[in-house]
Amino acid sequence: MSNLLPSLEHFAKGTLATAAGLSTVGFGLLFFGQNYLIYPSAFPPGSRTEVPVPTDFDLPYQDLQLTTIDGVKLRCYLMVQRKDLPFVNVTQEETKDQQTNEEYAAARPTVLMFHGNGGNLGHRIPLAKVFYAKMRCNVLMLSYRGYGMSEGNPSEKGIRIDAQCALDHVLTHPYLSHTPIILYGQSLGGAVAIDLASRNPQTIRALILENTFLSLPRLVPSALPVLGPFAFLCHQKWDSASKIPLIPRDTPMLLLSGCAMRSFPANTCRFVEFEKACIMIPVYSIELRGRVKVSGSREYVP
């Protein structure tokens, strides 16, 4: 019996040391490797090399390369409106006979599109076509750093810079600079849109937010329950809850939520949470049955 006690003591110490070591390694992986979990830019496979272009969908566009203030080159698609599009019926009321293409584009809204955390900007072209062809908006599609053909590595700090770079391009554009600017954000892109609007309160006319969240630390326990106890390690915050009050009260928001989304549980994007955060901001909510496919085509219906 006397020989057994030291053995148990050594076993217990060894077990505790092993557990402590594994915990340290686990914490390190979660802290330093979380960018790979939050920004899976290579998923689906081929997303960094196979990027659809608007002409694949019969859309005219300009292939832009924007350079951020920290020297990262971003691949973007700009679709500027034209008076006469071959696949669109334009009524006499929508255009004036003497109006040039530039004047027509300057009279239409401009939508800045911020995609989700998976895939690339090319996967969202079907939605961009709705804005461009049906709603007759100018459209700028941004590819974050580390996504698609853009340089760099994604991070909250970097993507915030990317979004500002895209907005600055519109604000200095020869005939888009005075157009009403609408931000559209899908999941992670919703947080990007909210952050950008909070930093440019007098510039953004409206926001459209699809299946977004109030903050990543709040999202972790429901999206990844096994990591819930370690949510405090999340250094990529995307804290929309603290940014929404900085947006002017007269800036309308349209919230879209799919009930069957697999990437984010339904309770993370309940409208009541956003309505509480928005305080006096006019919020319009639509809950949709189904989910959004990463290819950009829709599986949901009102």
C-alpha atoms as a PDB file:
ATOM      1  CA  MET A   1       0.000   0.000   0.000  1.00  0.00           C
ATOM      2  CA  SER A   2       2.844   2.351   0.842  1.00  0.00           C
ATOM      3  CA  ASN A   3       4.324   1.784  -2.630  1.00  0.00           C
ATOM      4  CA  LEU A   4       0.985   2.420  -4.298  1.00  0.00           C
ATOM      5  CA  LEU A   5       0.474   5.936  -2.918  1.00  0.00           C
ATOM      6  CA  PRO A   6       3.640   7.426  -4.486  1.00  0.00           C
ATOM      7  CA  SER A   7       2.663   5.813  -7.787  1.00  0.00           C
ATOM      8  CA  LEU A   8      -0.786   7.400  -7.659  1.00  0.00           C
ATOM      9  CA  GLU A   9       0.777  10.718  -6.737  1.00  0.00           C
ATOM     10  CA  HIS A  10       3.151  10.580  -9.723  1.00  0.00           C
ATOM     11  CA  PHE A  11       0.278   9.537 -12.005  1.00  0.00           C
ATOM     12  CA  ALA A  12      -1.879  12.428 -10.804  1.00  0.00           C
ATOM     13  CA  LYS A  13       0.951  14.918 -11.281  1.00  0.00           C
ATOM     14  CA  GLY A  14       1.648  13.539 -14.740  1.00  0.00           C
ATOM     15  CA  THR A  15      -2.017  13.736 -15.697  1.00  0.00           C
ATOM     16  CA  LEU A  16      -2.304  17.315 -14.468  1.00  0.00           C
ATOM     17  CA  ALA A  17       0.885  18.302 -16.283  1.00  0.00           C
ATOM     18  CA  THR A  18      -0.376  16.704 -19.491  1.00  0.00           C
ATOM     19  CA  ALA A  19      -3.768  18.397 -19.149  1.00  0.00           C
ATOM     20  CA  ALA A  20      -2.102  21.741 -18.487  1.00  0.00           C
ATOM     21  CA  GLY A  21       0.162  21.281 -21.485  1.00  0.00           C
ATOM     22  CA  LEU A  22      -2.710  20.334 -23.776  1.00  0.00           C
ATOM     23  CA  SER A  23      -4.778  23.256 -22.486  1.00  0.00           C
ATOM     24  CA  THR A  24      -1.914  25.644 -23.184  1.00  0.00           C
ATOM     25  CA  VAL A  25      -1.514  24.273 -26.697  1.00  0.00           C
ATOM     26  CA  GLY A  26      -5.287  24.429 -27.212  1.00  0.00           C
ATOM     27  CA  PHE A  27      -5.492  28.026 -26.001  1.00  0.00           C
ATOM     28  CA  GLY A  28      -2.575  28.924 -28.259  1.00  0.00           C
ATOM     29  CA  LEU A  29      -4.198  27.339 -31.297  1.00  0.00           C
ATOM     30  CA  LEU A  30      -7.510  29.064 -30.590  1.00  0.00           C
ATOM     31  CA  PHE A  31      -5.891  32.452 -29.995  1.00  0.00           C
ATOM     32  CA  PHE A  32      -3.356  32.460 -32.804  1.00  0.00           C
ATOM     33  CA  GLY A  33      -5.249  30.242 -35.254  1.00  0.00           C
ATOM     34  CA  GLN A  34      -8.697  31.748 -35.006  1.00  0.00           C
ATOM     35  CA  ASN A  35      -8.220  33.782 -38.176  1.00  0.00           C
ATOM     36  CA  TYR A  36      -8.207  30.518 -40.119  1.00  0.00           C
ATOM     37  CA  LEU A  37     -11.540  29.581 -38.525  1.00  0.00           C
ATOM     38  CA  ILE A  38     -13.167  32.988 -38.950  1.00  0.00           C
ATOM     39  CA  TYR A  39     -11.866  33.724 -42.458  1.00  0.00           C
ATOM     40  CA  PRO A  40     -11.859  30.410 -44.426  1.00  0.00           C
ATOM     41  CA  SER A  41     -11.010  32.191 -47.671  1.00  0.00           C
ATOM     42  CA  ALA A  42      -9.993  28.956 -49.435  1.00  0.00           C
ATOM     43  CA  PHE A  43     -13.411  27.349 -48.856  1.00  0.00           C
ATOM     44  CA  PRO A  44     -15.074  26.075 -50.983  1.00  0.00           C
ATOM     45  CA  PRO A  45     -11.960  24.569 -52.622  1.00  0.00           C
ATOM     46  CA  GLY A  46     -10.685  26.716 -55.477  1.00  0.00           C
ATOM     47  CA  SER A  47     -12.020  29.980 -54.043  1.00  0.00           C
ATOM     48  CA  ARG A  48      -8.569  31.604 -54.193  1.00  0.00           C
ATOM     49  CA  THR A  49      -7.979  30.718 -57.836  1.00  0.00           C
ATOM     50  CA  GLU A  50     -11.367  30.230 -59.499  1.00  0.00           C
ATOM     51  CA  VAL A  51     -13.167  33.566 -59.339  1.00  0.00           C
ATOM     52  CA  PRO A  52     -16.185  34.103 -61.625  1.00  0.00           C
ATOM     53  CA  VAL A  53     -16.406  37.448 -63.413  1.00  0.00           C
ATOM     54  CA  PRO A  54     -19.532  39.502 -64.228  1.00  0.00           C
ATOM     55  CA  THR A  55     -19.271  38.785 -67.966  1.00  0.00           C
ATOM     56  CA  ASP A  56     -20.008  35.149 -67.090  1.00  0.00           C
ATOM     57  CA  PHE A  57     -23.473  36.496 -66.239  1.00  0.00           C
ATOM     58  CA  ASP A  58     -23.696  38.916 -69.199  1.00  0.00           C
ATOM     59  CA  LEU A  59     -22.891  41.937 -67.036  1.00  0.00           C
ATOM     60  CA  PRO A  60     -20.568  44.760 -68.166  1.00  0.00           C
ATOM     61  CA  TYR A  61     -17.957  45.680 -65.569  1.00  0.00           C
ATOM     62  CA  GLN A  62     -14.630  47.301 -64.801  1.00  0.00           C
ATOM     63  CA  ASP A  63     -11.952  45.074 -63.267  1.00  0.00           C
ATOM     64  CA  LEU A  64     -10.555  47.298 -60.520  1.00  0.00           C
ATOM     65  CA  GLN A  65      -7.376  46.943 -58.523  1.00  0.00           C
ATOM     66  CA  LEU A  66      -7.491  49.179 -55.469  1.00  0.00           C
ATOM     67  CA  THR A  67      -4.481  49.751 -53.222  1.00  0.00           C
ATOM     68  CA  THR A  68      -5.138  50.264 -49.517  1.00  0.00           C
ATOM     69  CA  ILE A  69      -3.322  52.715 -47.272  1.00  0.00           C
ATOM     70  CA  ASP A  70      -1.158  49.838 -46.009  1.00  0.00           C
ATOM     71  CA  GLY A  71      -0.172  48.796 -49.537  1.00  0.00           C
ATOM     72  CA  VAL A  72      -2.436  45.762 -50.091  1.00  0.00           C
ATOM     73  CA  LYS A  73      -3.830  45.322 -53.606  1.00  0.00           C
ATOM     74  CA  LEU A  74      -7.518  44.394 -53.741  1.00  0.00           C
ATOM     75  CA  ARG A  75      -9.430  42.912 -56.675  1.00  0.00           C
ATOM     76  CA  CYS A  76     -12.845  44.530 -57.148  1.00  0.00           C
ATOM     77  CA  TYR A  77     -15.644  44.598 -59.703  1.00  0.00           C
ATOM     78  CA  LEU A  78     -17.329  47.897 -60.580  1.00  0.00           C
ATOM     79  CA  MET A  79     -20.569  47.844 -62.556  1.00  0.00           C
ATOM     80  CA  VAL A  80     -21.584  51.339 -63.629  1.00  0.00           C
ATOM     81  CA  GLN A  81     -25.083  51.931 -64.953  1.00  0.00           C
ATOM     82  CA  ARG A  82     -25.795  52.670 -68.603  1.00  0.00           C
ATOM     83  CA  LYS A  83     -28.893  54.156 -70.200  1.00  0.00           C
ATOM     84  CA  ASP A  84     -29.512  51.242 -72.518  1.00  0.00           C
ATOM     85  CA  LEU A  85     -28.790  47.697 -71.439  1.00  0.00           C
ATOM     86  CA  PRO A  86     -29.611  44.919 -73.926  1.00  0.00           C
ATOM     87  CA  PHE A  87     -31.340  42.759 -71.322  1.00  0.00           C
ATOM     88  CA  VAL A  88     -33.305  45.522 -69.536  1.00  0.00           C
ATOM     89  CA  ASN A  89     -36.469  47.297 -70.611  1.00  0.00           C
ATOM     90  CA  VAL A  90     -36.122  50.960 -69.677  1.00  0.00           C
ATOM     91  CA  THR A  91     -39.248  53.100 -69.655  1.00  0.00           C
ATOM     92  CA  GLN A  92     -39.349  56.676 -70.873  1.00  0.00           C
ATOM     93  CA  GLU A  93     -39.850  57.861 -67.292  1.00  0.00           C
ATOM     94  CA  GLU A  94     -36.615  56.212 -66.142  1.00  0.00           C
ATOM     95  CA  THR A  95     -34.344  57.972 -68.604  1.00  0.00           C
ATOM     96  CA  LYS A  96     -34.173  61.211 -70.548  1.00  0.00           C
ATOM     97  CA  ASP A  97     -33.486  61.324 -74.271  1.00  0.00           C
ATOM     98  CA  GLN A  98     -30.575  63.750 -73.934  1.00  0.00           C
ATOM     99  CA  GLN A  99     -29.098  62.042 -70.872  1.00  0.00           C
ATOM    100  CA  THR A 100     -25.609  60.574 -71.273  1.00  0.00           C
ATOM    101  CA  ASN A 101     -24.554  57.263 -69.744  1.00  0.00           C
ATOM    102  CA  GLU A 102     -22.505  59.176 -67.176  1.00  0.00           C
ATOM    103  CA  GLU A 103     -25.461  61.374 -66.229  1.00  0.00           C
ATOM    104  CA  TYR A 104     -27.718  58.341 -65.933  1.00  0.00           C
ATOM    105  CA  ALA A 105     -25.206  56.548 -63.675  1.00  0.00           C
ATOM    106  CA  ALA A 106     -24.817  59.672 -61.542  1.00  0.00           C
ATOM    107  CA  ALA A 107     -28.583  59.735 -60.983  1.00  0.00           C
ATOM    108  CA  ARG A 108     -28.762  56.133 -59.731  1.00  0.00           C
ATOM    109  CA  PRO A 109     -27.868  54.765 -56.248  1.00  0.00           C
ATOM    110  CA  THR A 110     -24.578  52.954 -55.689  1.00  0.00           C
ATOM    111  CA  VAL A 111     -24.467  49.677 -53.756  1.00  0.00           C
ATOM    112  CA  LEU A 112     -21.257  48.546 -52.031  1.00  0.00           C
ATOM    113  CA  MET A 113     -21.340  44.775 -51.555  1.00  0.00           C
ATOM    114  CA  PHE A 114     -19.475  43.074 -48.700  1.00  0.00           C
ATOM    115  CA  HIS A 115     -19.434  39.283 -48.950  1.00  0.00           C
ATOM    116  CA  GLY A 116     -19.486  36.648 -46.208  1.00  0.00           C
ATOM    117  CA  ASN A 117     -16.536  34.832 -44.683  1.00  0.00           C
ATOM    118  CA  GLY A 118     -16.487  31.976 -47.223  1.00  0.00           C
ATOM    119  CA  GLY A 119     -16.057  31.908 -50.985  1.00  0.00           C
ATOM    120  CA  ASN A 120     -15.186  34.984 -53.024  1.00  0.00           C
ATOM    121  CA  LEU A 121     -16.846  38.003 -54.602  1.00  0.00           C
ATOM    122  CA  GLY A 122     -17.554  36.071 -57.809  1.00  0.00           C
ATOM    123  CA  HIS A 123     -19.938  33.772 -55.948  1.00  0.00           C
ATOM    124  CA  ARG A 124     -22.168  36.789 -55.224  1.00  0.00           C
ATOM    125  CA  ILE A 125     -22.526  38.017 -58.811  1.00  0.00           C
ATOM    126  CA  PRO A 126     -26.104  36.632 -59.173  1.00  0.00           C
ATOM    127  CA  LEU A 127     -27.142  38.949 -56.336  1.00  0.00           C
ATOM    128  CA  ALA A 128     -25.177  41.833 -57.845  1.00  0.00           C
ATOM    129  CA  LYS A 129     -27.140  41.254 -61.052  1.00  0.00           C
ATOM    130  CA  VAL A 130     -30.367  41.874 -59.137  1.00  0.00           C
ATOM    131  CA  PHE A 131     -29.051  45.221 -57.895  1.00  0.00           C
ATOM    132  CA  TYR A 132     -27.663  46.146 -61.315  1.00  0.00           C
ATOM    133  CA  ALA A 133     -30.208  44.841 -63.819  1.00  0.00           C
ATOM    134  CA  LYS A 134     -33.470  44.925 -61.861  1.00  0.00           C
ATOM    135  CA  MET A 135     -32.921  47.831 -59.474  1.00  0.00           C
ATOM    136  CA  ARG A 136     -30.651  49.777 -61.854  1.00  0.00           C
ATOM    137  CA  CYS A 137     -28.032  50.530 -59.196  1.00  0.00           C
ATOM    138  CA  ASN A 138     -24.332  51.027 -59.701  1.00  0.00           C
ATOM    139  CA  VAL A 139     -22.544  48.177 -57.923  1.00  0.00           C
ATOM    140  CA  LEU A 140     -19.062  47.929 -56.411  1.00  0.00           C
ATOM    141  CA  MET A 141     -18.113  44.426 -55.254  1.00  0.00           C
ATOM    142  CA  LEU A 142     -15.166  44.314 -52.853  1.00  0.00           C
ATOM    143  CA  SER A 143     -12.876  41.325 -52.401  1.00  0.00           C
ATOM    144  CA  TYR A 144     -11.311  41.482 -48.941  1.00  0.00           C
ATOM    145  CA  ARG A 145      -7.579  40.977 -48.497  1.00  0.00           C
ATOM    146  CA  GLY A 146      -6.717  37.280 -48.598  1.00  0.00           C
ATOM    147  CA  TYR A 147      -9.874  36.443 -50.569  1.00  0.00           C
ATOM    148  CA  GLY A 148     -10.137  35.586 -54.247  1.00  0.00           C
ATOM    149  CA  MET A 149      -7.426  37.371 -56.213  1.00  0.00           C
ATOM    150  CA  SER A 150      -6.726  39.995 -53.537  1.00  0.00           C
ATOM    151  CA  GLU A 151      -3.374  40.111 -51.783  1.00  0.00           C
ATOM    152  CA  GLY A 152      -2.665  39.866 -48.066  1.00  0.00           C
ATOM    153  CA  ASN A 153      -4.164  37.977 -45.150  1.00  0.00           C
ATOM    154  CA  PRO A 154      -7.623  38.644 -43.700  1.00  0.00           C
ATOM    155  CA  SER A 155      -8.106  40.190 -40.268  1.00  0.00           C
ATOM    156  CA  GLU A 156     -10.596  42.546 -38.658  1.00  0.00           C
ATOM    157  CA  LYS A 157      -8.161  45.445 -38.795  1.00  0.00           C
ATOM    158  CA  GLY A 158      -7.277  44.758 -42.419  1.00  0.00           C
ATOM    159  CA  ILE A 159     -10.838  44.267 -43.673  1.00  0.00           C
ATOM    160  CA  ARG A 160     -11.890  47.535 -42.021  1.00  0.00           C
ATOM    161  CA  ILE A 161      -9.166  49.236 -44.064  1.00  0.00           C
ATOM    162  CA  ASP A 162     -10.358  47.441 -47.215  1.00  0.00           C
ATOM    163  CA  ALA A 163     -13.945  48.618 -46.750  1.00  0.00           C
ATOM    164  CA  GLN A 164     -12.849  52.220 -46.293  1.00  0.00           C
ATOM    165  CA  CYS A 165     -10.699  51.952 -49.409  1.00  0.00           C
ATOM    166  CA  ALA A 166     -13.725  50.832 -51.443  1.00  0.00           C
ATOM    167  CA  LEU A 167     -15.878  53.663 -50.097  1.00  0.00           C
ATOM    168  CA  ASP A 168     -13.135  56.216 -50.770  1.00  0.00           C
ATOM    169  CA  HIS A 169     -12.989  55.027 -54.373  1.00  0.00           C
ATOM    170  CA  VAL A 170     -16.693  55.739 -54.818  1.00  0.00           C
ATOM    171  CA  LEU A 171     -16.393  59.115 -53.087  1.00  0.00           C
ATOM    172  CA  THR A 172     -13.642  60.178 -55.505  1.00  0.00           C
ATOM    173  CA  HIS A 173     -15.234  58.672 -58.618  1.00  0.00           C
ATOM    174  CA  PRO A 174     -15.909  61.276 -61.354  1.00  0.00           C
ATOM    175  CA  TYR A 175     -19.667  60.638 -61.501  1.00  0.00           C
ATOM    176  CA  LEU A 176     -20.514  58.260 -58.649  1.00  0.00           C
ATOM    177  CA  SER A 177     -19.237  60.521 -55.885  1.00  0.00           C
ATOM    178  CA  HIS A 178     -22.599  62.200 -55.274  1.00  0.00           C
ATOM    179  CA  THR A 179     -24.838  59.154 -55.655  1.00  0.00           C
ATOM    180  CA  PRO A 180     -26.762  57.773 -52.657  1.00  0.00           C
ATOM    181  CA  ILE A 181     -24.563  55.033 -51.173  1.00  0.00           C
ATOM    182  CA  ILE A 182     -26.169  51.842 -49.853  1.00  0.00           C
ATOM    183  CA  LEU A 183     -24.180  49.153 -48.045  1.00  0.00           C
ATOM    184  CA  TYR A 184     -25.112  45.501 -48.472  1.00  0.00           C
ATOM    185  CA  GLY A 185     -23.470  42.979 -46.131  1.00  0.00           C
ATOM    186  CA  GLN A 186     -23.887  39.216 -45.957  1.00  0.00           C
ATOM    187  CA  SER A 187     -23.046  37.503 -42.619  1.00  0.00           C
ATOM    188  CA  LEU A 188     -19.504  38.772 -41.883  1.00  0.00           C
ATOM    189  CA  GLY A 189     -20.134  41.446 -44.508  1.00  0.00           C
ATOM    190  CA  GLY A 190     -22.979  42.761 -42.358  1.00  0.00           C
ATOM    191  CA  ALA A 191     -20.496  43.491 -39.580  1.00  0.00           C
ATOM    192  CA  VAL A 192     -18.200  45.127 -42.151  1.00  0.00           C
ATOM    193  CA  ALA A 193     -21.079  47.315 -43.368  1.00  0.00           C
ATOM    194  CA  ILE A 194     -22.104  48.353 -39.850  1.00  0.00           C
ATOM    195  CA  ASP A 195     -18.522  49.235 -38.946  1.00  0.00           C
ATOM    196  CA  LEU A 196     -18.052  51.286 -42.121  1.00  0.00           C
ATOM    197  CA  ALA A 197     -21.340  53.138 -41.616  1.00  0.00           C
ATOM    198  CA  SER A 198     -20.384  53.950 -38.021  1.00  0.00           C
ATOM    199  CA  ARG A 199     -17.140  55.550 -39.228  1.00  0.00           C
ATOM    200  CA  ASN A 200     -18.809  57.455 -42.077  1.00  0.00           C
ATOM    201  CA  PRO A 201     -22.101  58.526 -40.488  1.00  0.00           C
ATOM    202  CA  GLN A 202     -22.923  61.326 -42.915  1.00  0.00           C
ATOM    203  CA  THR A 203     -22.040  59.388 -46.056  1.00  0.00           C
ATOM    204  CA  ILE A 204     -24.116  56.200 -45.980  1.00  0.00           C
ATOM    205  CA  ARG A 205     -27.763  56.453 -47.042  1.00  0.00           C
ATOM    206  CA  ALA A 206     -28.978  52.965 -45.977  1.00  0.00           C
ATOM    207  CA  LEU A 207     -27.878  49.438 -45.007  1.00  0.00           C
ATOM    208  CA  ILE A 208     -29.066  45.986 -46.087  1.00  0.00           C
ATOM    209  CA  LEU A 209     -27.900  43.279 -43.671  1.00  0.00           C
ATOM    210  CA  GLU A 210     -28.344  39.583 -44.410  1.00  0.00           C
ATOM    211  CA  ASN A 211     -27.901  36.944 -41.694  1.00  0.00           C
ATOM    212  CA  THR A 212     -25.397  38.953 -39.713  1.00  0.00           C
ATOM    213  CA  PHE A 213     -24.550  38.996 -35.983  1.00  0.00           C
ATOM    214  CA  LEU A 214     -24.001  41.464 -33.155  1.00  0.00           C
ATOM    215  CA  SER A 215     -20.460  40.300 -32.269  1.00  0.00           C
ATOM    216  CA  LEU A 216     -18.241  37.271 -32.766  1.00  0.00           C
ATOM    217  CA  PRO A 217     -17.750  36.556 -29.031  1.00  0.00           C
ATOM    218  CA  ARG A 218     -21.555  36.422 -28.695  1.00  0.00           C
ATOM    219  CA  LEU A 219     -21.751  34.125 -31.705  1.00  0.00           C
ATOM    220  CA  VAL A 220     -19.178  31.522 -30.614  1.00  0.00           C
ATOM    221  CA  PRO A 221     -21.197  29.732 -27.874  1.00  0.00           C
ATOM    222  CA  SER A 222     -24.111  29.018 -30.233  1.00  0.00           C
ATOM    223  CA  ALA A 223     -22.200  28.533 -33.489  1.00  0.00           C
ATOM    224  CA  LEU A 224     -19.398  26.417 -31.957  1.00  0.00           C
ATOM    225  CA  PRO A 225     -20.639  25.184 -28.552  1.00  0.00           C
ATOM    226  CA  VAL A 226     -17.447  23.232 -27.834  1.00  0.00           C
ATOM    227  CA  LEU A 227     -15.510  26.520 -27.974  1.00  0.00           C
ATOM    228  CA  GLY A 228     -18.082  28.474 -25.972  1.00  0.00           C
ATOM    229  CA  PRO A 229     -16.050  28.524 -22.721  1.00  0.00           C
ATOM    230  CA  PHE A 230     -13.123  30.011 -24.629  1.00  0.00           C
ATOM    231  CA  ALA A 231     -15.022  32.879 -26.302  1.00  0.00           C
ATOM    232  CA  PHE A 232     -12.943  35.300 -24.208  1.00  0.00           C
ATOM    233  CA  LEU A 233      -9.951  34.370 -26.407  1.00  0.00           C
ATOM    234  CA  CYS A 234     -11.660  35.822 -29.484  1.00  0.00           C
ATOM    235  CA  HIS A 235      -9.560  38.826 -30.535  1.00  0.00           C
ATOM    236  CA  GLN A 236     -11.513  39.270 -33.778  1.00  0.00           C
ATOM    237  CA  LYS A 237     -14.470  41.083 -32.215  1.00  0.00           C
ATOM    238  CA  TRP A 238     -16.581  42.601 -35.012  1.00  0.00           C
ATOM    239  CA  ASP A 239     -18.597  44.233 -32.256  1.00  0.00           C
ATOM    240  CA  SER A 240     -21.572  45.557 -34.209  1.00  0.00           C
ATOM    241  CA  ALA A 241     -23.558  46.083 -31.002  1.00  0.00           C
ATOM    242  CA  SER A 242     -21.243  48.939 -29.993  1.00  0.00           C
ATOM    243  CA  LYS A 243     -21.094  50.406 -33.523  1.00  0.00           C
ATOM    244  CA  ILE A 244     -24.823  50.575 -34.299  1.00  0.00           C
ATOM    245  CA  PRO A 245     -25.489  53.496 -31.889  1.00  0.00           C
ATOM    246  CA  LEU A 246     -22.910  55.535 -33.840  1.00  0.00           C
ATOM    247  CA  ILE A 247     -25.028  55.347 -37.008  1.00  0.00           C
ATOM    248  CA  PRO A 248     -27.434  58.299 -37.443  1.00  0.00           C
ATOM    249  CA  ARG A 249     -30.995  57.608 -36.376  1.00  0.00           C
ATOM    250  CA  ASP A 250     -32.388  58.494 -39.792  1.00  0.00           C
ATOM    251  CA  THR A 251     -30.315  55.808 -41.569  1.00  0.00           C
ATOM    252  CA  PRO A 252     -32.720  52.952 -42.407  1.00  0.00           C
ATOM    253  CA  MET A 253     -31.656  49.305 -42.107  1.00  0.00           C
ATOM    254  CA  LEU A 254     -33.205  46.316 -43.848  1.00  0.00           C
ATOM    255  CA  LEU A 255     -32.545  43.060 -41.960  1.00  0.00           C
ATOM    256  CA  LEU A 256     -32.866  39.752 -43.806  1.00  0.00           C
ATOM    257  CA  SER A 257     -32.663  36.449 -41.937  1.00  0.00           C
ATOM    258  CA  GLY A 258     -32.862  32.888 -43.258  1.00  0.00           C
ATOM    259  CA  CYS A 259     -34.420  30.423 -40.816  1.00  0.00           C
ATOM    260  CA  ALA A 260     -32.430  27.440 -42.118  1.00  0.00           C
ATOM    261  CA  MET A 261     -28.964  28.987 -42.237  1.00  0.00           C
ATOM    262  CA  ARG A 262     -26.331  26.411 -41.308  1.00  0.00           C
ATOM    263  CA  SER A 263     -23.472  28.861 -40.851  1.00  0.00           C
ATOM    264  CA  PHE A 264     -25.189  30.867 -38.102  1.00  0.00           C
ATOM    265  CA  PRO A 265     -27.865  29.573 -35.729  1.00  0.00           C
ATOM    266  CA  ALA A 266     -31.204  31.347 -36.030  1.00  0.00           C
ATOM    267  CA  ASN A 267     -31.116  32.860 -32.549  1.00  0.00           C
ATOM    268  CA  THR A 268     -27.896  34.786 -33.285  1.00  0.00           C
ATOM    269  CA  CYS A 269     -29.626  37.048 -35.784  1.00  0.00           C
ATOM    270  CA  ARG A 270     -33.031  37.469 -34.176  1.00  0.00           C
ATOM    271  CA  PHE A 271     -34.471  40.816 -35.122  1.00  0.00           C
ATOM    272  CA  VAL A 272     -35.284  41.764 -31.554  1.00  0.00           C
ATOM    273  CA  GLU A 273     -31.559  41.856 -30.710  1.00  0.00           C
ATOM    274  CA  PHE A 274     -30.861  44.276 -33.533  1.00  0.00           C
ATOM    275  CA  GLU A 275     -33.912  46.356 -32.765  1.00  0.00           C
ATOM    276  CA  LYS A 276     -32.688  46.768 -29.186  1.00  0.00           C
ATOM    277  CA  ALA A 277     -29.202  47.696 -30.409  1.00  0.00           C
ATOM    278  CA  CYS A 278     -30.518  50.109 -33.030  1.00  0.00           C
ATOM    279  CA  ILE A 279     -32.554  52.080 -30.448  1.00  0.00           C
ATOM    280  CA  MET A 280     -34.143  54.823 -32.617  1.00  0.00           C
ATOM    281  CA  ILE A 281     -32.829  53.725 -36.029  1.00  0.00           C
ATOM    282  CA  PRO A 282     -35.672  52.667 -38.374  1.00  0.00           C
ATOM    283  CA  VAL A 283     -35.372  48.905 -38.855  1.00  0.00           C
ATOM    284  CA  TYR A 284     -37.259  46.843 -41.420  1.00  0.00           C
ATOM    285  CA  SER A 285     -37.194  43.095 -40.798  1.00  0.00           C
ATOM    286  CA  ILE A 286     -37.932  40.189 -43.124  1.00  0.00           C
ATOM    287  CA  GLU A 287     -37.602  36.560 -42.031  1.00  0.00           C
ATOM    288  CA  LEU A 288     -37.086  34.115 -44.880  1.00  0.00           C
ATOM    289  CA  ARG A 289     -37.702  30.385 -45.059  1.00  0.00           C
ATOM    290  CA  GLY A 290     -34.635  28.526 -46.321  1.00  0.00           C
ATOM    291  CA  ARG A 291     -30.965  29.381 -46.549  1.00  0.00           C
ATOM    292  CA  VAL A 292     -28.460  31.086 -48.823  1.00  0.00           C
ATOM    293  CA  LYS A 293     -26.184  28.950 -50.981  1.00  0.00           C
ATOM    294  CA  VAL A 294     -22.572  30.114 -51.146  1.00  0.00           C
ATOM    295  CA  SER A 295     -22.756  30.181 -54.953  1.00  0.00           C
ATOM    296  CA  GLY A 296     -24.960  33.239 -54.640  1.00  0.00           C
ATOM    297  CA  SER A 297     -28.182  31.678 -55.920  1.00  0.00           C
ATOM    298  CA  ARG A 298     -31.048  31.679 -53.456  1.00  0.00           C
ATOM    299  CA  GLU A 299     -32.895  28.821 -51.817  1.00  0.00           C
ATOM    300  CA  TYR A 300     -35.151  30.967 -49.676  1.00  0.00           C
ATOM    301  CA  VAL A 301     -38.615  32.384 -50.213  1.00  0.00           C
ATOM    302  CA  PRO A 302     -40.576  35.004 -48.213  1.00  0.00           C
END
